[in-house]
Amino acid sequence: MNVLGIETSCDETGIAVYHPEFGIRAHVLHSQVDLHQAYGGVVPELASRDHVRRTLPLIHQVLEQAGLSRTDLDGVAYTAGPGLIGALLVGAAIGRSLAYAWEVPAVGVHHMEAHLLAPMLELPAPEFPFLALLVSGGHTQLVQVDGPGQYLLLGESVDDAAGEAIDKIAMILGLGYPGGPALSALAEQGQPGRFRFPRPMTNRPGLDFSFSGLKTHVVNTVREQADDAQTRADIARAFVDAVVETMVIKCRRAMQETGLRQLIAAGGVSANRQLRLELGKMVQQEGGRVFFPRPEFCTDNGAMIAYAGYLRLREGLREPLAFAAHPRWPLG
């Protein structure tokens, strides 16, 4: 079964083809970073228009790379939410229309479920059940995964997601958009221990996250003390340390409370080198194993959509002709 995956939830157009025997047969990704940089963040209307321009040419490119034609496809999967409504509708309209024209089934995919399943594309892959830390621009969640479609939300951010806080601090430090990679690079130059910021909600029971207060604390520190390049780097280091340690503490607590010894981390922030290092240390101490997608599959991509769509289509799920997009869509 060859499944075409279409990802258009925000500012990246991702297209891929997945086959259960051969894996990812081809995938391409177009980033809109250059388009949005001048505005310091994603402009939804511009994002939607660029998806309109890019999606069909990228589909042709992926099929050519895979050595396939449209008659070789057995299904189409597209991101149905959550995300920017205009961007989602581009992928949903194109995906559902192509499936109708090609007389193959279509299925809408939950964006965060696809991130959650992205480590299954690697070898070795985790085995169900496992814990998942989902950290992206708009979500920070801890999820118990008992199987495809069997998700128990254990904790989530009650305000800003980690990715939102990272982008805000990067902007305050003058690093521009996108902020995550630049902030991580700056933090590498920082002196550990010069500043220490709070590890929010770690001194109380529970698995929820909160990064709004930490963000405000760091913003105030930048405005009061960041008068030279080294100080800015030291603040970046202290902020990254606080975010990483907070997530590590919560993941350790989740492993201890559930008894599960497999942890996956997925989403754009999971590409952070320090987060991967510290999670690896913690899981080893707990006698478990940690799994990550390759960096190119941490950010939004078509491969994860194609794989999640394959699992849905395999179970017989189908979209009606009256397709829908869901800008807000709880994972449960």
C-alpha atoms as a PDB file:
ATOM      1  CA  MET A   1       0.000   0.000   0.000  1.00  0.00           C
ATOM      2  CA  ASN A   2       1.565   3.293  -1.156  1.00  0.00           C
ATOM      3  CA  VAL A   3       0.159   6.248   0.809  1.00  0.00           C
ATOM      4  CA  LEU A   4       0.700   9.854  -0.195  1.00  0.00           C
ATOM      5  CA  GLY A   5       1.081  12.203   2.785  1.00  0.00           C
ATOM      6  CA  ILE A   6       0.379  15.962   2.606  1.00  0.00           C
ATOM      7  CA  GLU A   7       1.352  18.306   5.463  1.00  0.00           C
ATOM      8  CA  THR A   8       0.236  21.961   5.322  1.00  0.00           C
ATOM      9  CA  SER A   9      -0.667  22.826   8.912  1.00  0.00           C
ATOM     10  CA  CYS A  10       1.525  25.923   9.294  1.00  0.00           C
ATOM     11  CA  ASP A  11       4.600  27.234   7.473  1.00  0.00           C
ATOM     12  CA  GLU A  12       6.055  24.112   5.850  1.00  0.00           C
ATOM     13  CA  THR A  13       4.763  22.138   2.880  1.00  0.00           C
ATOM     14  CA  GLY A  14       5.706  18.493   3.341  1.00  0.00           C
ATOM     15  CA  ILE A  15       4.967  15.686   0.877  1.00  0.00           C
ATOM     16  CA  ALA A  16       5.943  12.004   1.156  1.00  0.00           C
ATOM     17  CA  VAL A  17       5.027   8.482   0.083  1.00  0.00           C
ATOM     18  CA  TYR A  18       5.054   5.630   2.603  1.00  0.00           C
ATOM     19  CA  HIS A  19       4.908   1.883   1.981  1.00  0.00           C
ATOM     20  CA  PRO A  20       4.764  -0.627   4.866  1.00  0.00           C
ATOM     21  CA  GLU A  21       7.482  -2.824   3.328  1.00  0.00           C
ATOM     22  CA  PHE A  22       9.798  -0.176   1.889  1.00  0.00           C
ATOM     23  CA  GLY A  23       9.230   2.615   4.411  1.00  0.00           C
ATOM     24  CA  ILE A  24       9.475   6.219   3.208  1.00  0.00           C
ATOM     25  CA  ARG A  25       9.906   5.924  -0.543  1.00  0.00           C
ATOM     26  CA  ALA A  26      10.459   9.668  -1.060  1.00  0.00           C
ATOM     27  CA  HIS A  27       9.834  12.902   0.807  1.00  0.00           C
ATOM     28  CA  VAL A  28      10.358  16.612   0.192  1.00  0.00           C
ATOM     29  CA  LEU A  29       9.866  19.644   2.398  1.00  0.00           C
ATOM     30  CA  HIS A  30       9.530  23.297   1.500  1.00  0.00           C
ATOM     31  CA  SER A  31      10.072  25.736   4.356  1.00  0.00           C
ATOM     32  CA  GLN A  32       8.518  29.207   4.343  1.00  0.00           C
ATOM     33  CA  VAL A  33      11.134  30.686   6.695  1.00  0.00           C
ATOM     34  CA  ASP A  34      12.355  33.229   4.131  1.00  0.00           C
ATOM     35  CA  LEU A  35       8.771  34.279   3.428  1.00  0.00           C
ATOM     36  CA  HIS A  36       7.937  35.063   7.063  1.00  0.00           C
ATOM     37  CA  GLN A  37      11.290  36.302   8.410  1.00  0.00           C
ATOM     38  CA  ALA A  38      10.563  39.937   7.641  1.00  0.00           C
ATOM     39  CA  TYR A  39       7.458  39.780   9.858  1.00  0.00           C
ATOM     40  CA  GLY A  40       9.074  38.040  12.836  1.00  0.00           C
ATOM     41  CA  GLY A  41       6.592  35.150  12.688  1.00  0.00           C
ATOM     42  CA  VAL A  42       4.107  33.282  10.535  1.00  0.00           C
ATOM     43  CA  VAL A  43       1.575  35.369   8.577  1.00  0.00           C
ATOM     44  CA  PRO A  44      -1.381  32.975   8.071  1.00  0.00           C
ATOM     45  CA  GLU A  45      -2.582  34.400   4.750  1.00  0.00           C
ATOM     46  CA  LEU A  46       0.896  34.275   3.234  1.00  0.00           C
ATOM     47  CA  ALA A  47       1.335  30.731   4.516  1.00  0.00           C
ATOM     48  CA  SER A  48      -1.891  29.582   2.864  1.00  0.00           C
ATOM     49  CA  ARG A  49      -1.036  31.188  -0.465  1.00  0.00           C
ATOM     50  CA  ASP A  50       2.390  29.579  -0.502  1.00  0.00           C
ATOM     51  CA  HIS A  51       0.875  26.145   0.195  1.00  0.00           C
ATOM     52  CA  VAL A  52      -1.397  26.682  -2.834  1.00  0.00           C
ATOM     53  CA  ARG A  53       1.656  27.378  -4.996  1.00  0.00           C
ATOM     54  CA  ARG A  54       3.830  24.560  -3.677  1.00  0.00           C
ATOM     55  CA  THR A  55       1.687  21.518  -2.935  1.00  0.00           C
ATOM     56  CA  LEU A  56       0.947  20.137  -6.409  1.00  0.00           C
ATOM     57  CA  PRO A  57       4.480  20.674  -7.794  1.00  0.00           C
ATOM     58  CA  LEU A  58       5.927  18.948  -4.716  1.00  0.00           C
ATOM     59  CA  ILE A  59       3.547  15.998  -5.175  1.00  0.00           C
ATOM     60  CA  HIS A  60       4.819  15.600  -8.739  1.00  0.00           C
ATOM     61  CA  GLN A  61       8.402  15.830  -7.446  1.00  0.00           C
ATOM     62  CA  VAL A  62       7.877  13.145  -4.782  1.00  0.00           C
ATOM     63  CA  LEU A  63       6.214  10.729  -7.201  1.00  0.00           C
ATOM     64  CA  GLU A  64       9.090  11.196  -9.620  1.00  0.00           C
ATOM     65  CA  GLN A  65      11.682  10.613  -6.884  1.00  0.00           C
ATOM     66  CA  ALA A  66       9.864   7.472  -5.760  1.00  0.00           C
ATOM     67  CA  GLY A  67       9.556   6.181  -9.324  1.00  0.00           C
ATOM     68  CA  LEU A  68       5.782   6.028  -8.967  1.00  0.00           C
ATOM     69  CA  SER A  69       2.783   7.276 -10.886  1.00  0.00           C
ATOM     70  CA  ARG A  70      -0.613   8.234  -9.548  1.00  0.00           C
ATOM     71  CA  THR A  71      -1.916   4.750 -10.431  1.00  0.00           C
ATOM     72  CA  ASP A  72       0.556   3.270  -7.930  1.00  0.00           C
ATOM     73  CA  LEU A  73      -1.028   5.136  -5.017  1.00  0.00           C
ATOM     74  CA  ASP A  74      -3.487   3.326  -2.758  1.00  0.00           C
ATOM     75  CA  GLY A  75      -4.514   6.193  -0.513  1.00  0.00           C
ATOM     76  CA  VAL A  76      -4.028   9.861   0.360  1.00  0.00           C
ATOM     77  CA  ALA A  77      -3.480  11.243   3.867  1.00  0.00           C
ATOM     78  CA  TYR A  78      -3.536  14.927   4.738  1.00  0.00           C
ATOM     79  CA  THR A  79      -3.239  16.969   7.919  1.00  0.00           C
ATOM     80  CA  ALA A  80      -6.756  17.856   9.074  1.00  0.00           C
ATOM     81  CA  GLY A  81      -5.677  19.719  12.223  1.00  0.00           C
ATOM     82  CA  PRO A  82      -4.726  21.303  14.490  1.00  0.00           C
ATOM     83  CA  GLY A  83      -3.093  24.273  12.787  1.00  0.00           C
ATOM     84  CA  LEU A  84      -3.853  27.409  10.795  1.00  0.00           C
ATOM     85  CA  ILE A  85      -7.310  27.004   9.293  1.00  0.00           C
ATOM     86  CA  GLY A  86      -6.394  28.420   5.881  1.00  0.00           C
ATOM     87  CA  ALA A  87      -3.263  26.332   5.584  1.00  0.00           C
ATOM     88  CA  LEU A  88      -5.119  23.193   6.679  1.00  0.00           C
ATOM     89  CA  LEU A  89      -7.853  23.752   4.124  1.00  0.00           C
ATOM     90  CA  VAL A  90      -5.306  23.898   1.303  1.00  0.00           C
ATOM     91  CA  GLY A  91      -3.949  20.443   2.110  1.00  0.00           C
ATOM     92  CA  ALA A  92      -7.377  18.992   2.883  1.00  0.00           C
ATOM     93  CA  ALA A  93      -8.936  20.299  -0.339  1.00  0.00           C
ATOM     94  CA  ILE A  94      -6.056  19.114  -2.503  1.00  0.00           C
ATOM     95  CA  GLY A  95      -5.713  15.768  -0.755  1.00  0.00           C
ATOM     96  CA  ARG A  96      -9.412  14.921  -0.783  1.00  0.00           C
ATOM     97  CA  SER A  97      -9.835  16.090  -4.387  1.00  0.00           C
ATOM     98  CA  LEU A  98      -6.905  14.028  -5.641  1.00  0.00           C
ATOM     99  CA  ALA A  99      -8.173  10.944  -3.822  1.00  0.00           C
ATOM    100  CA  TYR A 100     -11.603  11.423  -5.413  1.00  0.00           C
ATOM    101  CA  ALA A 101     -10.124  11.883  -8.879  1.00  0.00           C
ATOM    102  CA  TRP A 102      -7.774   8.893  -8.468  1.00  0.00           C
ATOM    103  CA  GLU A 103     -10.539   6.738  -6.953  1.00  0.00           C
ATOM    104  CA  VAL A 104      -8.549   5.893  -3.824  1.00  0.00           C
ATOM    105  CA  PRO A 105      -9.525   6.425  -0.168  1.00  0.00           C
ATOM    106  CA  ALA A 106      -8.513   9.536   1.771  1.00  0.00           C
ATOM    107  CA  VAL A 107      -8.014  10.079   5.477  1.00  0.00           C
ATOM    108  CA  GLY A 108      -7.468  13.175   7.614  1.00  0.00           C
ATOM    109  CA  VAL A 109      -4.619  12.943  10.125  1.00  0.00           C
ATOM    110  CA  HIS A 110      -4.196  14.606  13.514  1.00  0.00           C
ATOM    111  CA  HIS A 111      -0.997  16.633  13.345  1.00  0.00           C
ATOM    112  CA  MET A 112       0.157  15.829  16.888  1.00  0.00           C
ATOM    113  CA  GLU A 113      -0.645  12.132  16.478  1.00  0.00           C
ATOM    114  CA  ALA A 114       1.617  12.140  13.437  1.00  0.00           C
ATOM    115  CA  HIS A 115       4.428  13.751  15.464  1.00  0.00           C
ATOM    116  CA  LEU A 116       3.839  11.189  18.196  1.00  0.00           C
ATOM    117  CA  LEU A 117       4.203   8.315  15.730  1.00  0.00           C
ATOM    118  CA  ALA A 118       7.216   9.751  13.870  1.00  0.00           C
ATOM    119  CA  PRO A 119       9.758   7.719  15.931  1.00  0.00           C
ATOM    120  CA  MET A 120       8.071   4.561  14.575  1.00  0.00           C
ATOM    121  CA  LEU A 121       9.769   5.367  11.260  1.00  0.00           C
ATOM    122  CA  GLU A 122      13.176   4.698  12.833  1.00  0.00           C
ATOM    123  CA  LEU A 123      14.982   1.467  13.694  1.00  0.00           C
ATOM    124  CA  PRO A 124      14.755   0.265  16.332  1.00  0.00           C
ATOM    125  CA  ALA A 125      11.218   1.538  16.902  1.00  0.00           C
ATOM    126  CA  PRO A 126       9.517   1.720  20.303  1.00  0.00           C
ATOM    127  CA  GLU A 127       6.951  -0.911  21.198  1.00  0.00           C
ATOM    128  CA  PHE A 128       3.535  -0.117  22.623  1.00  0.00           C
ATOM    129  CA  PRO A 129       2.874   0.989  25.307  1.00  0.00           C
ATOM    130  CA  PHE A 130       5.215   3.954  25.771  1.00  0.00           C
ATOM    131  CA  LEU A 131       5.316   7.539  26.998  1.00  0.00           C
ATOM    132  CA  ALA A 132       5.511  10.446  24.573  1.00  0.00           C
ATOM    133  CA  LEU A 133       6.785  13.964  25.184  1.00  0.00           C
ATOM    134  CA  LEU A 134       5.357  16.180  22.442  1.00  0.00           C
ATOM    135  CA  VAL A 135       7.100  19.544  22.234  1.00  0.00           C
ATOM    136  CA  SER A 136       6.349  21.815  19.298  1.00  0.00           C
ATOM    137  CA  GLY A 137       5.642  25.475  18.665  1.00  0.00           C
ATOM    138  CA  GLY A 138       2.082  25.248  19.974  1.00  0.00           C
ATOM    139  CA  HIS A 139       2.043  22.140  22.178  1.00  0.00           C
ATOM    140  CA  THR A 140       3.816  20.699  25.196  1.00  0.00           C
ATOM    141  CA  GLN A 141       2.192  17.420  26.231  1.00  0.00           C
ATOM    142  CA  LEU A 142       2.957  14.179  28.021  1.00  0.00           C
ATOM    143  CA  VAL A 143       0.936  11.291  26.613  1.00  0.00           C
ATOM    144  CA  GLN A 144       0.621   7.617  27.471  1.00  0.00           C
ATOM    145  CA  VAL A 145       0.440   5.705  24.191  1.00  0.00           C
ATOM    146  CA  ASP A 146      -1.120   2.251  24.434  1.00  0.00           C
ATOM    147  CA  GLY A 147      -1.465   1.785  20.665  1.00  0.00           C
ATOM    148  CA  PRO A 148      -2.441   3.674  17.503  1.00  0.00           C
ATOM    149  CA  GLY A 149      -5.366   5.889  18.438  1.00  0.00           C
ATOM    150  CA  GLN A 150      -5.135   4.903  22.126  1.00  0.00           C
ATOM    151  CA  TYR A 151      -3.865   8.007  23.881  1.00  0.00           C
ATOM    152  CA  LEU A 152      -4.153   9.162  27.477  1.00  0.00           C
ATOM    153  CA  LEU A 153      -3.162  12.765  28.091  1.00  0.00           C
ATOM    154  CA  LEU A 154      -1.137  12.862  31.322  1.00  0.00           C
ATOM    155  CA  GLY A 155      -0.108  16.503  31.311  1.00  0.00           C
ATOM    156  CA  GLU A 156       0.102  19.594  29.125  1.00  0.00           C
ATOM    157  CA  SER A 157       1.025  23.248  29.262  1.00  0.00           C
ATOM    158  CA  VAL A 158      -1.549  25.345  31.078  1.00  0.00           C
ATOM    159  CA  ASP A 159      -0.348  28.497  29.281  1.00  0.00           C
ATOM    160  CA  ASP A 160       2.534  28.980  26.838  1.00  0.00           C
ATOM    161  CA  ALA A 161       3.986  25.905  25.171  1.00  0.00           C
ATOM    162  CA  ALA A 162       7.755  25.481  25.388  1.00  0.00           C
ATOM    163  CA  GLY A 163       8.142  26.359  21.719  1.00  0.00           C
ATOM    164  CA  GLU A 164       6.186  29.593  22.149  1.00  0.00           C
ATOM    165  CA  ALA A 165       8.375  30.620  25.081  1.00  0.00           C
ATOM    166  CA  ILE A 166      11.523  29.789  23.107  1.00  0.00           C
ATOM    167  CA  ASP A 167      10.402  31.918  20.151  1.00  0.00           C
ATOM    168  CA  LYS A 168       9.560  34.832  22.453  1.00  0.00           C
ATOM    169  CA  ILE A 169      12.923  34.755  24.227  1.00  0.00           C
ATOM    170  CA  ALA A 170      14.749  34.432  20.912  1.00  0.00           C
ATOM    171  CA  MET A 171      12.942  37.541  19.677  1.00  0.00           C
ATOM    172  CA  ILE A 172      13.791  39.480  22.845  1.00  0.00           C
ATOM    173  CA  LEU A 173      17.439  38.507  22.394  1.00  0.00           C
ATOM    174  CA  GLY A 174      17.335  39.781  18.806  1.00  0.00           C
ATOM    175  CA  LEU A 175      17.728  36.379  17.177  1.00  0.00           C
ATOM    176  CA  GLY A 176      14.839  36.721  14.741  1.00  0.00           C
ATOM    177  CA  TYR A 177      12.620  33.985  13.303  1.00  0.00           C
ATOM    178  CA  PRO A 178      12.700  31.027  13.614  1.00  0.00           C
ATOM    179  CA  GLY A 179      14.073  31.355  17.114  1.00  0.00           C
ATOM    180  CA  GLY A 180      14.742  27.799  18.278  1.00  0.00           C
ATOM    181  CA  PRO A 181      17.927  26.899  16.372  1.00  0.00           C
ATOM    182  CA  ALA A 182      19.458  30.344  16.885  1.00  0.00           C
ATOM    183  CA  LEU A 183      18.682  30.306  20.617  1.00  0.00           C
ATOM    184  CA  SER A 184      20.232  26.858  21.007  1.00  0.00           C
ATOM    185  CA  ALA A 185      23.380  28.002  19.205  1.00  0.00           C
ATOM    186  CA  LEU A 186      23.641  31.085  21.416  1.00  0.00           C
ATOM    187  CA  ALA A 187      23.101  29.004  24.560  1.00  0.00           C
ATOM    188  CA  GLU A 188      26.072  26.810  23.566  1.00  0.00           C
ATOM    189  CA  GLN A 189      28.261  29.899  24.027  1.00  0.00           C
ATOM    190  CA  GLY A 190      26.814  30.718  27.447  1.00  0.00           C
ATOM    191  CA  GLN A 191      28.457  30.184  30.818  1.00  0.00           C
ATOM    192  CA  PRO A 192      26.435  27.675  32.878  1.00  0.00           C
ATOM    193  CA  GLY A 193      25.422  28.803  36.351  1.00  0.00           C
ATOM    194  CA  ARG A 194      25.774  32.560  35.974  1.00  0.00           C
ATOM    195  CA  PHE A 195      21.995  32.892  35.901  1.00  0.00           C
ATOM    196  CA  ARG A 196      19.444  30.455  37.274  1.00  0.00           C
ATOM    197  CA  PHE A 197      15.791  30.662  36.337  1.00  0.00           C
ATOM    198  CA  PRO A 198      12.776  28.862  37.880  1.00  0.00           C
ATOM    199  CA  ARG A 199      11.813  25.310  36.958  1.00  0.00           C
ATOM    200  CA  PRO A 200       8.051  25.989  36.869  1.00  0.00           C
ATOM    201  CA  MET A 201       5.544  23.604  38.472  1.00  0.00           C
ATOM    202  CA  THR A 202       8.215  21.067  39.439  1.00  0.00           C
ATOM    203  CA  ASN A 203       7.775  21.618  43.192  1.00  0.00           C
ATOM    204  CA  ARG A 204       4.182  20.374  43.172  1.00  0.00           C
ATOM    205  CA  PRO A 205       2.521  17.090  42.158  1.00  0.00           C
ATOM    206  CA  GLY A 206       1.259  16.556  38.652  1.00  0.00           C
ATOM    207  CA  LEU A 207       2.527  16.436  35.094  1.00  0.00           C
ATOM    208  CA  ASP A 208       1.292  19.759  33.709  1.00  0.00           C
ATOM    209  CA  PHE A 209       3.685  22.409  32.377  1.00  0.00           C
ATOM    210  CA  SER A 210       3.765  26.196  32.601  1.00  0.00           C
ATOM    211  CA  PHE A 211       6.270  28.389  30.781  1.00  0.00           C
ATOM    212  CA  SER A 212       4.596  31.813  30.929  1.00  0.00           C
ATOM    213  CA  GLY A 213       6.131  32.808  34.260  1.00  0.00           C
ATOM    214  CA  LEU A 214       9.565  31.589  33.209  1.00  0.00           C
ATOM    215  CA  LYS A 215       9.261  33.580  29.997  1.00  0.00           C
ATOM    216  CA  THR A 216       8.389  36.763  31.915  1.00  0.00           C
ATOM    217  CA  HIS A 217      11.284  36.206  34.337  1.00  0.00           C
ATOM    218  CA  VAL A 218      13.741  35.876  31.462  1.00  0.00           C
ATOM    219  CA  VAL A 219      12.329  38.858  29.561  1.00  0.00           C
ATOM    220  CA  ASN A 220      12.793  41.057  32.642  1.00  0.00           C
ATOM    221  CA  THR A 221      16.360  39.791  33.091  1.00  0.00           C
ATOM    222  CA  VAL A 222      17.184  40.575  29.463  1.00  0.00           C
ATOM    223  CA  ARG A 223      15.841  44.113  29.772  1.00  0.00           C
ATOM    224  CA  GLU A 224      17.715  44.752  33.012  1.00  0.00           C
ATOM    225  CA  GLN A 225      21.063  43.043  32.419  1.00  0.00           C
ATOM    226  CA  ALA A 226      21.671  41.978  28.798  1.00  0.00           C
ATOM    227  CA  ASP A 227      24.047  44.814  27.946  1.00  0.00           C
ATOM    228  CA  ASP A 228      26.735  42.741  26.186  1.00  0.00           C
ATOM    229  CA  ALA A 229      26.985  39.680  23.959  1.00  0.00           C
ATOM    230  CA  GLN A 230      28.314  37.317  26.641  1.00  0.00           C
ATOM    231  CA  THR A 231      25.523  38.208  29.054  1.00  0.00           C
ATOM    232  CA  ARG A 232      22.963  37.490  26.349  1.00  0.00           C
ATOM    233  CA  ALA A 233      24.571  34.106  25.772  1.00  0.00           C
ATOM    234  CA  ASP A 234      24.599  33.376  29.513  1.00  0.00           C
ATOM    235  CA  ILE A 235      20.899  34.246  29.767  1.00  0.00           C
ATOM    236  CA  ALA A 236      20.129  32.017  26.778  1.00  0.00           C
ATOM    237  CA  ARG A 237      22.037  29.158  28.435  1.00  0.00           C
ATOM    238  CA  ALA A 238      20.159  29.589  31.720  1.00  0.00           C
ATOM    239  CA  PHE A 239      16.811  29.692  29.918  1.00  0.00           C
ATOM    240  CA  VAL A 240      17.503  26.565  27.863  1.00  0.00           C
ATOM    241  CA  ASP A 241      18.737  24.809  31.018  1.00  0.00           C
ATOM    242  CA  ALA A 242      15.487  25.703  32.804  1.00  0.00           C
ATOM    243  CA  VAL A 243      13.240  24.489  29.968  1.00  0.00           C
ATOM    244  CA  VAL A 244      15.176  21.259  29.502  1.00  0.00           C
ATOM    245  CA  GLU A 245      15.395  20.429  33.206  1.00  0.00           C
ATOM    246  CA  THR A 246      11.682  21.114  33.645  1.00  0.00           C
ATOM    247  CA  MET A 247      10.789  18.663  30.888  1.00  0.00           C
ATOM    248  CA  VAL A 248      13.246  16.058  32.190  1.00  0.00           C
ATOM    249  CA  ILE A 249      11.770  16.281  35.698  1.00  0.00           C
ATOM    250  CA  LYS A 250       8.244  15.823  34.355  1.00  0.00           C
ATOM    251  CA  CYS A 251       9.261  12.898  32.131  1.00  0.00           C
ATOM    252  CA  ARG A 252      11.005  11.160  35.038  1.00  0.00           C
ATOM    253  CA  ARG A 253       7.894  11.653  37.161  1.00  0.00           C
ATOM    254  CA  ALA A 254       5.690  10.215  34.391  1.00  0.00           C
ATOM    255  CA  MET A 255       7.913   7.153  34.045  1.00  0.00           C
ATOM    256  CA  GLN A 256       7.824   6.556  37.789  1.00  0.00           C
ATOM    257  CA  GLU A 257       4.053   7.038  38.055  1.00  0.00           C
ATOM    258  CA  THR A 258       3.131   4.853  35.065  1.00  0.00           C
ATOM    259  CA  GLY A 259       5.863   2.240  35.337  1.00  0.00           C
ATOM    260  CA  LEU A 260       6.545   2.584  31.597  1.00  0.00           C
ATOM    261  CA  ARG A 261      10.201   2.410  30.590  1.00  0.00           C
ATOM    262  CA  GLN A 262      10.033   3.572  26.988  1.00  0.00           C
ATOM    263  CA  LEU A 263       9.949   7.305  26.256  1.00  0.00           C
ATOM    264  CA  ILE A 264       9.777   9.036  22.898  1.00  0.00           C
ATOM    265  CA  ALA A 265      10.282  12.758  22.317  1.00  0.00           C
ATOM    266  CA  ALA A 266       8.855  14.320  19.159  1.00  0.00           C
ATOM    267  CA  GLY A 267       7.987  17.704  17.690  1.00  0.00           C
ATOM    268  CA  GLY A 268      10.220  20.566  16.614  1.00  0.00           C
ATOM    269  CA  VAL A 269      11.757  21.206  20.037  1.00  0.00           C
ATOM    270  CA  SER A 270      12.793  17.537  20.321  1.00  0.00           C
ATOM    271  CA  ALA A 271      15.599  18.291  17.853  1.00  0.00           C
ATOM    272  CA  ASN A 272      17.321  20.332  20.582  1.00  0.00           C
ATOM    273  CA  ARG A 273      20.697  18.718  21.310  1.00  0.00           C
ATOM    274  CA  GLN A 274      20.669  19.469  25.039  1.00  0.00           C
ATOM    275  CA  LEU A 275      17.151  18.078  25.501  1.00  0.00           C
ATOM    276  CA  ARG A 276      18.148  14.846  23.767  1.00  0.00           C
ATOM    277  CA  LEU A 277      21.278  14.538  25.890  1.00  0.00           C
ATOM    278  CA  GLU A 278      19.537  15.133  29.224  1.00  0.00           C
ATOM    279  CA  LEU A 279      16.564  12.908  28.429  1.00  0.00           C
ATOM    280  CA  GLY A 280      18.984  10.171  27.445  1.00  0.00           C
ATOM    281  CA  LYS A 281      20.805  10.443  30.781  1.00  0.00           C
ATOM    282  CA  MET A 282      17.576  10.419  32.779  1.00  0.00           C
ATOM    283  CA  VAL A 283      16.050   7.450  30.972  1.00  0.00           C
ATOM    284  CA  GLN A 284      19.248   5.466  31.399  1.00  0.00           C
ATOM    285  CA  GLN A 285      19.132   6.155  35.140  1.00  0.00           C
ATOM    286  CA  GLU A 286      15.543   4.908  35.183  1.00  0.00           C
ATOM    287  CA  GLY A 287      16.510   1.717  33.352  1.00  0.00           C
ATOM    288  CA  GLY A 288      14.576   2.563  30.210  1.00  0.00           C
ATOM    289  CA  ARG A 289      15.058   3.511  26.562  1.00  0.00           C
ATOM    290  CA  VAL A 290      14.473   6.787  24.783  1.00  0.00           C
ATOM    291  CA  PHE A 291      13.598   7.219  21.103  1.00  0.00           C
ATOM    292  CA  PHE A 292      13.793  10.269  18.841  1.00  0.00           C
ATOM    293  CA  PRO A 293      12.871  10.871  15.203  1.00  0.00           C
ATOM    294  CA  ARG A 294      15.730  11.921  12.960  1.00  0.00           C
ATOM    295  CA  PRO A 295      16.032  15.757  13.038  1.00  0.00           C
ATOM    296  CA  GLU A 296      14.368  16.177   9.634  1.00  0.00           C
ATOM    297  CA  PHE A 297      11.279  14.385  10.989  1.00  0.00           C
ATOM    298  CA  CYS A 298      11.107  16.485  14.173  1.00  0.00           C
ATOM    299  CA  THR A 299       9.742  19.521  12.372  1.00  0.00           C
ATOM    300  CA  ASP A 300       6.535  19.322  10.340  1.00  0.00           C
ATOM    301  CA  ASN A 301       6.914  16.885   7.444  1.00  0.00           C
ATOM    302  CA  GLY A 302       4.929  14.753   5.037  1.00  0.00           C
ATOM    303  CA  ALA A 303       6.547  11.464   6.089  1.00  0.00           C
ATOM    304  CA  MET A 304       4.837  11.393   9.487  1.00  0.00           C
ATOM    305  CA  ILE A 305       1.487  12.207   7.834  1.00  0.00           C
ATOM    306  CA  ALA A 306       1.900   9.418   5.286  1.00  0.00           C
ATOM    307  CA  TYR A 307       2.759   6.899   8.022  1.00  0.00           C
ATOM    308  CA  ALA A 308      -0.086   7.927  10.344  1.00  0.00           C
ATOM    309  CA  GLY A 309      -2.436   7.895   7.363  1.00  0.00           C
ATOM    310  CA  TYR A 310      -1.327   4.388   6.449  1.00  0.00           C
ATOM    311  CA  LEU A 311      -2.215   3.158   9.941  1.00  0.00           C
ATOM    312  CA  ARG A 312      -5.675   4.742   9.649  1.00  0.00           C
ATOM    313  CA  LEU A 313      -6.329   3.429   6.151  1.00  0.00           C
ATOM    314  CA  ARG A 314      -5.179  -0.043   7.197  1.00  0.00           C
ATOM    315  CA  GLU A 315      -7.922  -0.033   9.828  1.00  0.00           C
ATOM    316  CA  GLY A 316     -10.526   0.834   7.209  1.00  0.00           C
ATOM    317  CA  LEU A 317     -11.007   4.504   8.097  1.00  0.00           C
ATOM    318  CA  ARG A 318     -12.137   6.770   5.259  1.00  0.00           C
ATOM    319  CA  GLU A 319     -13.067  10.432   4.850  1.00  0.00           C
ATOM    320  CA  PRO A 320     -16.417  11.362   3.270  1.00  0.00           C
ATOM    321  CA  LEU A 321     -16.454  13.799   0.377  1.00  0.00           C
ATOM    322  CA  ALA A 322     -17.501  16.521   2.831  1.00  0.00           C
ATOM    323  CA  PHE A 323     -14.019  16.852   4.337  1.00  0.00           C
ATOM    324  CA  ALA A 324     -13.259  19.166   7.266  1.00  0.00           C
ATOM    325  CA  ALA A 325     -10.310  20.929   8.908  1.00  0.00           C
ATOM    326  CA  HIS A 326      -9.942  21.433  12.652  1.00  0.00           C
ATOM    327  CA  PRO A 327      -7.745  24.360  13.773  1.00  0.00           C
ATOM    328  CA  ARG A 328      -8.263  23.197  17.369  1.00  0.00           C
ATOM    329  CA  TRP A 329      -8.416  19.426  17.796  1.00  0.00           C
ATOM    330  CA  PRO A 330      -7.683  17.692  21.116  1.00  0.00           C
ATOM    331  CA  LEU A 331      -5.477  14.632  20.708  1.00  0.00           C
ATOM    332  CA  GLY A 332      -7.826  12.458  22.774  1.00  0.00           C
END
